[in-house]
């Protein structure tokens, strides 16, 4: 059983990811009417998935700023530069990680999958040319990201 983590445009893997995030957001966040289906922002972003064989077990949207696309931060989501005062946001230099969902129901250690997945998010974001990545998340997710990224030498505030 091998874990593959990759950027994908494969329709079937994307369909599985959208179903997984809908199920996850409804169950974990209690948003009973959450629609996990594809959105325009999904289409203009990169989707990174984790899979075992042809079975998607996780995914995240990497929404990067480029001339034709803005992140939700740019649409007045309430997060502004004063919240990010320790970094210098240069136009085209950052991305936002969104709609992360990781399925716990696989035969691998979930902590191993989570560690590999979050580290891959950082590495793929860098490979796509982004210097900074951020997400607006709950305190629980904040501690989760901080624990994993700090352990591997990445700054996380």
Protein backbone atom coordinates (compact mmCIF):
# COMPACT_ATOMS: atom_id res chain seq x y z
CA UNK A 1 0.00 0.00 0.00
CA UNK A 2 1.67 3.19 -1.24
CA UNK A 3 0.67 6.74 -0.46
CA UNK A 4 0.89 9.05 -3.48
CA UNK A 5 0.54 12.79 -3.07
CA UNK A 6 0.20 14.85 -6.23
CA UNK A 7 -1.41 17.77 -7.98
CA UNK A 8 -4.24 16.44 -10.11
CA UNK A 9 -6.72 17.37 -12.78
CA UNK A 10 -8.05 13.80 -13.00
CA UNK A 11 -11.85 14.06 -12.98
CA UNK A 12 -12.46 10.91 -10.94
CA UNK A 13 -9.90 11.80 -8.24
CA UNK A 14 -11.31 15.33 -8.03
CA UNK A 15 -14.85 13.94 -7.70
CA UNK A 16 -13.69 11.73 -4.82
CA UNK A 17 -11.94 14.68 -3.13
CA UNK A 18 -15.05 16.88 -3.42
CA UNK A 19 -17.18 14.12 -1.88
CA UNK A 20 -14.60 13.60 0.89
CA UNK A 21 -14.44 17.28 1.80
CA UNK A 22 -18.24 17.54 1.83
CA UNK A 23 -18.51 14.55 4.17
CA UNK A 24 -15.64 15.82 6.33
CA UNK A 25 -16.90 19.41 6.65
CA UNK A 26 -20.41 18.24 7.44
CA UNK A 27 -19.24 15.79 10.11
CA UNK A 28 -16.30 17.62 11.70
CA UNK A 29 -17.51 21.20 11.45
CA UNK A 30 -21.21 20.49 11.85
CA UNK A 31 -22.13 22.31 8.64
CA UNK A 32 -25.02 20.06 7.64
CA UNK A 33 -25.72 21.84 4.35
CA UNK A 34 -22.08 22.24 3.23
CA UNK A 35 -21.72 21.65 -0.51
CA UNK A 36 -18.29 20.18 -1.22
CA UNK A 37 -18.78 20.24 -4.98
CA UNK A 38 -16.43 21.96 -7.40
CA UNK A 39 -16.43 25.75 -7.32
CA UNK A 40 -15.01 28.39 -9.67
CA UNK A 41 -12.17 28.87 -7.17
CA UNK A 42 -11.35 25.15 -7.43
CA UNK A 43 -11.07 25.49 -11.20
CA UNK A 44 -8.65 28.42 -10.95
CA UNK A 45 -6.56 26.78 -8.20
CA UNK A 46 -4.35 23.71 -7.91
CA UNK A 47 -5.81 20.68 -6.15
CA UNK A 48 -3.38 18.43 -4.34
CA UNK A 49 -4.64 15.00 -3.40
CA UNK A 50 -3.39 12.02 -1.44
CA UNK A 51 -4.34 8.65 -2.85
CA UNK A 52 -3.76 4.97 -2.38
CA UNK A 53 -4.12 3.36 -5.78
CA UNK A 54 -7.11 5.05 -7.39
CA UNK A 55 -8.75 5.90 -4.04
CA UNK A 56 -8.49 9.55 -2.94
CA UNK A 57 -7.96 9.76 0.83
CA UNK A 58 -7.30 13.48 1.14
CA UNK A 59 -7.06 16.76 -0.65
CA UNK A 60 -6.44 20.47 -0.35
CA UNK A 61 -6.95 23.48 -2.58
CA UNK A 62 -3.85 25.62 -3.18
CA UNK A 63 -5.20 28.97 -4.27
CA UNK A 64 -2.37 31.15 -5.48
CA UNK A 65 -2.47 34.75 -6.48
CA UNK A 66 -1.75 35.47 -10.11
CA UNK A 67 -2.89 38.21 -12.48
CA UNK A 68 -6.37 36.76 -13.14
CA UNK A 69 -7.12 35.18 -9.76
CA UNK A 70 -7.43 36.50 -6.24
CA UNK A 71 -7.45 34.51 -3.02
CA UNK A 72 -10.42 34.85 -0.65
CA UNK A 73 -8.12 37.10 1.43
CA UNK A 74 -8.24 39.61 -1.43
CA UNK A 75 -12.04 39.63 -1.41
CA UNK A 76 -12.27 41.09 2.07
CA UNK A 77 -12.50 37.90 4.13
CA UNK A 78 -11.52 39.83 7.25
CA UNK A 79 -7.89 38.75 7.09
CA UNK A 80 -5.65 41.66 6.27
CA UNK A 81 -2.00 42.66 6.29
CA UNK A 82 -2.01 43.60 9.97
CA UNK A 83 -2.73 39.93 10.76
CA UNK A 84 0.31 38.98 8.69
CA UNK A 85 2.69 41.67 9.94
CA UNK A 86 5.71 39.33 10.28
CA UNK A 87 5.96 38.73 6.54
CA UNK A 88 6.11 40.89 3.47
CA UNK A 89 3.43 39.85 1.05
CA UNK A 90 4.65 40.53 -2.44
CA UNK A 91 2.17 40.39 -5.26
CA UNK A 92 2.25 36.85 -6.69
CA UNK A 93 4.31 35.60 -3.75
CA UNK A 94 1.73 33.78 -1.65
CA UNK A 95 -1.00 31.21 -1.73
CA UNK A 96 -3.85 30.21 0.52
CA UNK A 97 -4.43 26.60 1.58
CA UNK A 98 -8.10 25.84 1.71
CA UNK A 99 -10.63 23.07 2.20
CA UNK A 100 -8.23 20.49 3.57
CA UNK A 101 -9.81 17.09 4.12
CA UNK A 102 -7.97 13.92 5.11
CA UNK A 103 -9.82 10.62 5.42
CA UNK A 104 -8.96 8.72 8.61
CA UNK A 105 -10.48 5.43 7.40
CA UNK A 106 -7.47 3.87 5.70
CA UNK A 107 -5.08 1.13 6.77
CA UNK A 108 -2.15 3.51 7.35
CA UNK A 109 -1.27 5.44 10.46
CA UNK A 110 -3.28 8.64 10.24
CA UNK A 111 -0.48 10.70 11.80
CA UNK A 112 1.91 9.52 9.08
CA UNK A 113 -0.57 10.52 6.38
CA UNK A 114 -1.20 13.90 8.00
CA UNK A 115 2.52 14.66 8.37
CA UNK A 116 3.30 13.70 4.79
CA UNK A 117 0.29 15.57 3.46
CA UNK A 118 1.01 18.86 5.22
CA UNK A 119 4.71 18.73 4.31
CA UNK A 120 3.76 18.02 0.69
CA UNK A 121 1.45 21.05 0.74
CA UNK A 122 4.43 23.24 1.64
CA UNK A 123 6.70 21.62 -0.94
CA UNK A 124 4.16 21.79 -3.78
CA UNK A 125 3.38 25.41 -2.91
CA UNK A 126 7.10 26.24 -3.13
CA UNK A 127 7.41 24.31 -6.41
CA UNK A 128 4.52 26.39 -7.77
CA UNK A 129 6.58 29.51 -6.97
CA UNK A 130 4.97 30.70 -3.74
CA UNK A 131 7.14 32.04 -0.93
CA UNK A 132 4.37 32.04 1.67
CA UNK A 133 1.33 29.90 2.29
CA UNK A 134 -1.42 30.61 4.77
CA UNK A 135 -4.78 29.39 5.85
CA UNK A 136 -7.55 30.80 7.95
CA UNK A 137 -8.43 27.98 10.31
CA UNK A 138 -9.79 27.01 13.67
CA UNK A 139 -7.53 26.87 16.71
CA UNK A 140 -7.49 23.09 16.50
CA UNK A 141 -6.26 23.17 12.90
CA UNK A 142 -3.84 25.97 13.76
CA UNK A 143 -2.19 23.80 16.43
CA UNK A 144 -2.16 20.84 14.02
CA UNK A 145 -0.37 22.80 11.27
CA UNK A 146 1.99 24.47 13.72
CA UNK A 147 2.98 21.15 15.34
CA UNK A 148 3.81 19.49 12.03
CA UNK A 149 5.50 22.43 10.33
CA UNK A 150 7.52 23.53 13.37
CA UNK A 151 8.77 19.98 13.84
CA UNK A 152 10.27 20.16 10.34
CA UNK A 153 11.81 23.64 10.66
CA UNK A 154 9.14 25.76 8.96
CA UNK A 155 7.97 29.01 10.51
CA UNK A 156 4.30 29.03 11.33
CA UNK A 157 2.53 31.87 13.12
